């Protein structure tokens, strides 16, 4: 059983520093979980994280602090391993979810054509790539130029946005869906529904058990949290 630390502070605030914003707990500057300097890029993100800390009750529950978790990942993991994380995420383009369409039943084929193919077309136009979609489960090889281009796109992101891209890609199983959210082409609800198209179709046909419903809800929550994180990175 996990034991969470008791709330040890009374006052939460955010303060401006030369390089951004910091959180203070009873006047003491908050550091990251790995004890690194925890400097946030925008006031909005600092305010949101301060609200999360202030909302903790008897214990500090990290799973109730999604902005803090994403920001900590950016500082403690992504900033220190930027190239490795970018390469890992870009690698999803080689077998992206939206490039693998069903060949039956007809209704699922229709829904994927309406939802997924436009995303493939958007990505190819937006990033000057040539991704191909296929039907069935046999793998197709995407062009080296396309994969190199997505690698370039991921590497060009700062650590904050790369953290968001990694979170979205991991949640949805699709670099293309993640990039669409990052670019403002899809909102969080659209992204979650797009990623869950197959599951929703099967649930309509055969019903859905509680565990599957919880997984879908968790995915939607993760996407929504990450989209909110992205919105807080924009200058006021």
Foldseek 3Di string as FASTA:
>chain_A
DDDFAFLDADDWDWDADPQAIFIDGNNHTDAAPVRHRQHDHAPLLSVLQSVLSNPDDGGNDVVSRLSSVLSSCLPPPCQVVVLVLLLVLLVLLQPFPLQEAEPDDPVRNVVSCVQRVVLVVVCCVVQVADRHHDYDDDGDGGDPVRSVSSSVVLSPDRSSLNSLLSLLCVLLVGSSLSVCLLVVVDPLVSSLCSSCVVVVVVCVVPNDDPVVVVSSVVSSVSSNSSSVSSVSNDYD
